[in-house]
């Protein structure tokens, strides 16, 4: 058995030959760290558009001219590319962590912390019920995957009913509570949940997983499929030493998203 760490920093035991979303390990390609950095770059570009460029243009997607709408969607689309990247990292954490409860609590705390900065940066309002920050989607998908993992290997009708009900309830929550809905067009929460389920169910079948992910990404107006192309070049490594001395890297990423949101929120308020 090998003792390793997840993208969230949690330790896990992996048996040789065990099925995993990380189907190809090696030194070439993108480590988890690089995948996460690329995901944050997409997010920053998207926030630049929603927090600074779009307000300066006075863009309302429903009323804007064709040119203004194109500019708005172009910047928004950059952040949509990050959805499959973070869905995959989330699945990796759920699959391998031995402390799922702690992981859920961290995501829950992060979602609460991010909500006001997210609303300020994306809408200019302290409270905006039209869209909730995407960390809520990660939290919900973690719970769904945890339940699916609890029933893994069971083929009886009751287990299938439970799993189906949980997935449908989670998707309905994403839709009704407007989790990561952008420009009234992009259902980011629903898409992230779908990516997570694809990665979890098809992790041992790389080609099938990638094709299914690209097809699912097409329902998100194409950009998530671009994120799938990036994900194809992952190499299955963490990207930094697996020891306690480097746990600070994990905590930096937890702090990075609310920090970036706060910077763009303050920039928008200053405009």
Protein backbone atom coordinates (compact mmCIF):
# COMPACT_ATOMS: atom_id res chain seq x y z
CA UNK A 1 0.00 0.00 0.00
CA UNK A 2 1.15 3.54 -0.74
CA UNK A 3 0.57 6.47 1.57
CA UNK A 4 -0.16 9.63 -0.40
CA UNK A 5 -1.97 12.97 -0.26
CA UNK A 6 -5.01 14.31 -2.04
CA UNK A 7 -5.25 17.69 -3.80
CA UNK A 8 -6.81 19.00 -0.58
CA UNK A 9 -3.81 17.85 1.42
CA UNK A 10 -5.54 14.93 3.16
CA UNK A 11 -3.67 11.65 3.38
CA UNK A 12 -4.99 8.43 1.96
CA UNK A 13 -3.99 4.85 1.36
CA UNK A 14 -4.04 3.59 -2.22
CA UNK A 15 -3.72 -0.07 -3.16
CA UNK A 16 -1.79 -0.98 -6.23
CA UNK A 17 -4.14 -1.36 -9.20
CA UNK A 18 -7.00 0.45 -7.48
CA UNK A 19 -9.30 2.30 -9.91
CA UNK A 20 -8.82 6.04 -9.92
CA UNK A 21 -9.68 9.14 -11.87
CA UNK A 22 -5.95 9.62 -12.19
CA UNK A 23 -5.47 7.11 -14.96
CA UNK A 24 -2.04 8.12 -16.13
CA UNK A 25 0.77 8.94 -13.78
CA UNK A 26 4.07 10.26 -14.99
CA UNK A 27 6.55 13.11 -14.98
CA UNK A 28 5.28 14.83 -18.14
CA UNK A 29 2.09 16.82 -18.36
CA UNK A 30 0.19 18.75 -15.71
CA UNK A 31 0.39 17.95 -12.02
CA UNK A 32 -2.55 18.64 -9.71
CA UNK A 33 -0.82 21.85 -8.66
CA UNK A 34 -0.56 23.05 -12.25
CA UNK A 35 -4.16 22.08 -13.00
CA UNK A 36 -5.26 24.10 -10.00
CA UNK A 37 -3.14 27.11 -11.03
CA UNK A 38 -4.61 27.00 -14.55
CA UNK A 39 -8.08 26.83 -13.02
CA UNK A 40 -7.37 29.95 -10.97
CA UNK A 41 -6.09 31.77 -14.04
CA UNK A 42 -9.41 31.05 -15.74
CA UNK A 43 -11.24 32.31 -12.67
CA UNK A 44 -9.24 35.55 -12.51
CA UNK A 45 -9.88 36.29 -16.19
CA UNK A 46 -13.60 35.67 -15.67
CA UNK A 47 -13.68 37.92 -12.60
CA UNK A 48 -11.89 40.66 -14.50
CA UNK A 49 -14.73 40.58 -16.98
CA UNK A 50 -17.61 40.37 -14.52
CA UNK A 51 -16.23 42.74 -11.88
CA UNK A 52 -14.50 45.39 -14.00
CA UNK A 53 -15.00 45.17 -17.76
CA UNK A 54 -18.72 44.39 -17.86
CA UNK A 55 -19.73 47.16 -15.39
CA UNK A 56 -17.61 49.67 -17.32
CA UNK A 57 -19.47 48.75 -20.51
CA UNK A 58 -22.84 48.81 -18.83
CA UNK A 59 -23.53 45.33 -20.11
CA UNK A 60 -26.87 43.62 -19.58
CA UNK A 61 -26.86 40.45 -21.65
CA UNK A 62 -30.57 40.74 -22.34
CA UNK A 63 -30.35 44.33 -23.62
CA UNK A 64 -26.78 44.76 -24.81
CA UNK A 65 -25.71 45.19 -28.39
CA UNK A 66 -24.22 42.21 -30.18
CA UNK A 67 -20.67 43.51 -29.70
CA UNK A 68 -21.09 44.20 -25.98
CA UNK A 69 -22.70 40.81 -25.44
CA UNK A 70 -19.80 39.10 -27.21
CA UNK A 71 -17.25 40.85 -24.98
CA UNK A 72 -19.20 39.98 -21.84
CA UNK A 73 -19.59 36.32 -22.72
CA UNK A 74 -15.96 36.02 -23.84
CA UNK A 75 -14.68 36.98 -20.39
CA UNK A 76 -17.35 35.00 -18.58
CA UNK A 77 -16.51 31.95 -20.67
CA UNK A 78 -12.93 31.94 -19.39
CA UNK A 79 -14.11 31.15 -15.86
CA UNK A 80 -16.47 28.47 -17.17
CA UNK A 81 -13.43 26.57 -18.49
CA UNK A 82 -12.37 26.00 -14.87
CA UNK A 83 -15.47 23.95 -13.95
CA UNK A 84 -14.21 20.51 -15.06
CA UNK A 85 -10.77 21.20 -13.57
CA UNK A 86 -12.10 21.83 -10.08
CA UNK A 87 -14.69 19.07 -10.42
CA UNK A 88 -11.86 16.63 -11.13
CA UNK A 89 -9.75 17.86 -8.20
CA UNK A 90 -12.83 17.57 -6.00
CA UNK A 91 -13.43 13.97 -7.08
CA UNK A 92 -9.79 13.12 -6.41
CA UNK A 93 -10.12 14.47 -2.88
CA UNK A 94 -13.37 12.61 -2.20
CA UNK A 95 -12.03 9.36 -3.64
CA UNK A 96 -8.90 9.29 -1.53
CA UNK A 97 -9.39 11.30 1.66
CA UNK A 98 -9.90 9.43 4.91
CA UNK A 99 -11.44 12.55 6.52
CA UNK A 100 -14.47 13.30 4.34
CA UNK A 101 -16.25 15.10 7.18
CA UNK A 102 -13.37 17.52 7.65
CA UNK A 103 -13.19 18.13 3.92
CA UNK A 104 -16.92 18.95 3.76
CA UNK A 105 -16.62 21.31 6.74
CA UNK A 106 -13.71 23.14 5.12
CA UNK A 107 -15.67 23.57 1.90
CA UNK A 108 -18.75 24.69 3.82
CA UNK A 109 -16.74 27.31 5.74
CA UNK A 110 -15.11 28.48 2.51
CA UNK A 111 -18.50 28.79 0.78
CA UNK A 112 -19.85 30.96 3.61
CA UNK A 113 -16.73 33.16 3.62
CA UNK A 114 -16.83 33.62 -0.17
CA UNK A 115 -20.50 34.49 -0.55
CA UNK A 116 -20.44 38.23 0.15
CA UNK A 117 -17.19 38.91 -1.80
CA UNK A 118 -18.61 36.84 -4.67
CA UNK A 119 -21.84 38.84 -4.75
CA UNK A 120 -19.96 42.14 -4.56
CA UNK A 121 -17.51 41.23 -7.31
CA UNK A 122 -20.04 39.75 -9.72
CA UNK A 123 -23.07 42.00 -9.15
CA UNK A 124 -21.97 44.94 -7.03
CA UNK A 125 -24.51 44.00 -4.34
CA UNK A 126 -23.86 42.63 -0.87
CA UNK A 127 -26.58 40.04 -1.40
CA UNK A 128 -27.46 38.74 -4.85
CA UNK A 129 -29.87 35.78 -4.90
CA UNK A 130 -29.47 35.35 -8.66
CA UNK A 131 -26.19 33.48 -8.24
CA UNK A 132 -24.36 31.75 -5.38
CA UNK A 133 -20.63 31.15 -5.36
CA UNK A 134 -19.31 27.89 -6.89
CA UNK A 135 -17.84 26.57 -3.65
CA UNK A 136 -21.39 25.59 -2.68
CA UNK A 137 -21.39 23.33 -5.76
CA UNK A 138 -18.16 21.67 -4.61
CA UNK A 139 -19.66 21.14 -1.17
CA UNK A 140 -22.85 19.57 -2.52
CA UNK A 141 -21.02 17.38 -5.03
CA UNK A 142 -18.72 16.17 -2.24
CA UNK A 143 -21.71 15.00 -0.21
CA UNK A 144 -23.22 13.30 -3.27
CA UNK A 145 -19.98 11.50 -4.08
CA UNK A 146 -19.51 10.48 -0.47
CA UNK A 147 -22.96 8.85 -0.47
CA UNK A 148 -22.18 7.16 -3.81
CA UNK A 149 -18.94 5.85 -2.30
CA UNK A 150 -20.83 4.49 0.70
CA UNK A 151 -23.03 2.45 -1.65
CA UNK A 152 -20.22 1.44 -4.01
CA UNK A 153 -20.35 -2.21 -5.00
CA UNK A 154 -24.01 -2.63 -4.15
CA UNK A 155 -26.36 -3.55 -6.99
CA UNK A 156 -29.66 -3.93 -5.14
CA UNK A 157 -32.66 -1.78 -6.01
CA UNK A 158 -32.61 0.14 -2.71
CA UNK A 159 -29.03 1.37 -3.25
CA UNK A 160 -29.83 2.54 -6.79
CA UNK A 161 -32.93 4.36 -5.55
CA UNK A 162 -30.93 6.14 -2.85
CA UNK A 163 -28.15 7.18 -5.23
CA UNK A 164 -30.59 8.35 -7.90
CA UNK A 165 -32.63 10.33 -5.38
CA UNK A 166 -29.52 11.99 -3.95
CA UNK A 167 -28.21 12.99 -7.40
CA UNK A 168 -31.59 14.37 -8.48
CA UNK A 169 -32.00 16.27 -5.21
CA UNK A 170 -28.52 17.76 -5.56
CA UNK A 171 -29.16 18.82 -9.15
CA UNK A 172 -32.46 20.38 -8.13
CA UNK A 173 -30.73 22.28 -5.31
CA UNK A 174 -28.14 23.61 -7.76
CA UNK A 175 -30.90 24.81 -10.07
CA UNK A 176 -33.37 26.22 -7.53
CA UNK A 177 -30.77 28.03 -5.42
CA UNK A 178 -28.96 29.41 -8.50
CA UNK A 179 -25.59 27.97 -7.56
CA UNK A 180 -22.98 29.42 -9.88
CA UNK A 181 -25.49 30.72 -12.43
CA UNK A 182 -23.88 33.27 -14.73
CA UNK A 183 -25.62 35.72 -17.05
CA UNK A 184 -28.83 33.66 -16.68
CA UNK A 185 -27.32 31.28 -19.27
CA UNK A 186 -24.73 29.13 -17.56
CA UNK A 187 -25.79 26.56 -14.94
CA UNK A 188 -22.33 26.09 -13.45
CA UNK A 189 -23.45 24.18 -10.36
CA UNK A 190 -25.40 21.60 -12.37
CA UNK A 191 -22.49 21.23 -14.78
CA UNK A 192 -19.95 20.76 -11.99
CA UNK A 193 -22.09 18.04 -10.42
CA UNK A 194 -22.37 16.28 -13.77
CA UNK A 195 -18.61 16.44 -14.33
CA UNK A 196 -17.99 15.07 -10.85
CA UNK A 197 -20.30 12.11 -11.45
CA UNK A 198 -18.68 11.38 -14.83
CA UNK A 199 -15.18 11.47 -13.36
CA UNK A 200 -16.18 9.32 -10.41
CA UNK A 201 -18.05 6.69 -12.41
CA UNK A 202 -15.66 6.47 -15.38
CA UNK A 203 -12.33 7.15 -13.72
CA UNK A 204 -10.91 3.76 -14.68
CA UNK A 205 -11.84 4.27 -18.35
CA UNK A 206 -9.82 7.27 -19.56
CA UNK A 207 -11.06 7.56 -23.15
CA UNK A 208 -14.71 7.04 -22.23
CA UNK A 209 -14.40 9.52 -19.39
CA UNK A 210 -12.86 12.18 -21.61
CA UNK A 211 -15.46 11.74 -24.37
CA UNK A 212 -18.32 11.85 -21.87
CA UNK A 213 -16.80 14.93 -20.23
CA UNK A 214 -16.44 16.76 -23.54
CA UNK A 215 -20.02 15.88 -24.49
CA UNK A 216 -21.32 17.08 -21.12
CA UNK A 217 -19.23 20.25 -21.43
CA UNK A 218 -20.95 21.05 -24.71
CA UNK A 219 -24.17 21.60 -22.77
CA UNK A 220 -22.34 24.47 -21.05
CA UNK A 221 -21.96 26.44 -24.28
CA UNK A 222 -18.57 24.88 -25.17
CA UNK A 223 -16.08 26.52 -22.70
CA UNK A 224 -16.17 23.61 -20.19
CA UNK A 225 -15.11 21.32 -23.03
CA UNK A 226 -12.00 23.47 -23.40
CA UNK A 227 -11.33 22.77 -19.75
CA UNK A 228 -11.58 19.07 -20.54
CA UNK A 229 -8.80 19.49 -23.10
CA UNK A 230 -6.58 20.93 -20.37
CA UNK A 231 -7.52 18.08 -18.04
CA UNK A 232 -6.49 15.54 -20.64
CA UNK A 233 -2.84 16.54 -20.12
CA UNK A 234 -2.79 15.85 -16.37
CA UNK A 235 -0.14 13.39 -15.18
CA UNK A 236 -1.61 12.21 -11.89
CA UNK A 237 1.06 13.70 -9.61
CA UNK A 238 0.47 16.15 -6.79
CA UNK A 239 3.13 18.62 -7.93
CA UNK A 240 4.86 19.22 -4.60
CA UNK A 241 6.36 17.02 -1.84
CA UNK A 242 3.88 14.95 0.14
CA UNK A 243 4.83 15.92 3.66
CA UNK A 244 3.51 18.10 6.45
CA UNK A 245 6.03 20.84 5.77
CA UNK A 246 4.24 21.61 2.50
CA UNK A 247 0.67 21.59 3.86
CA UNK A 248 0.82 25.41 3.72
CA UNK A 249 0.41 25.16 -0.06
CA UNK A 250 -3.01 23.56 0.40
CA UNK A 251 -4.11 26.25 2.86
CA UNK A 252 -2.87 28.98 0.52
CA UNK A 253 -5.25 27.71 -2.15
CA UNK A 254 -8.11 27.71 0.35
CA UNK A 255 -7.35 31.36 1.11
CA UNK A 256 -6.68 32.36 -2.50
CA UNK A 257 -10.25 32.27 -3.83
CA UNK A 258 -11.85 34.51 -1.19
CA UNK A 259 -8.79 36.77 -1.44
CA UNK A 260 -9.17 37.15 -5.20
CA UNK A 261 -12.91 37.76 -4.83
CA UNK A 262 -12.28 40.45 -2.23
CA UNK A 263 -9.75 42.23 -4.45
CA UNK A 264 -12.19 42.34 -7.37
CA UNK A 265 -15.06 43.32 -5.07
CA UNK A 266 -13.10 46.31 -3.78
CA UNK A 267 -12.06 47.20 -7.34
CA UNK A 268 -15.67 47.16 -8.48
CA UNK A 269 -16.81 49.31 -5.56
CA UNK A 270 -14.05 51.80 -6.33
CA UNK A 271 -15.16 52.24 -9.96
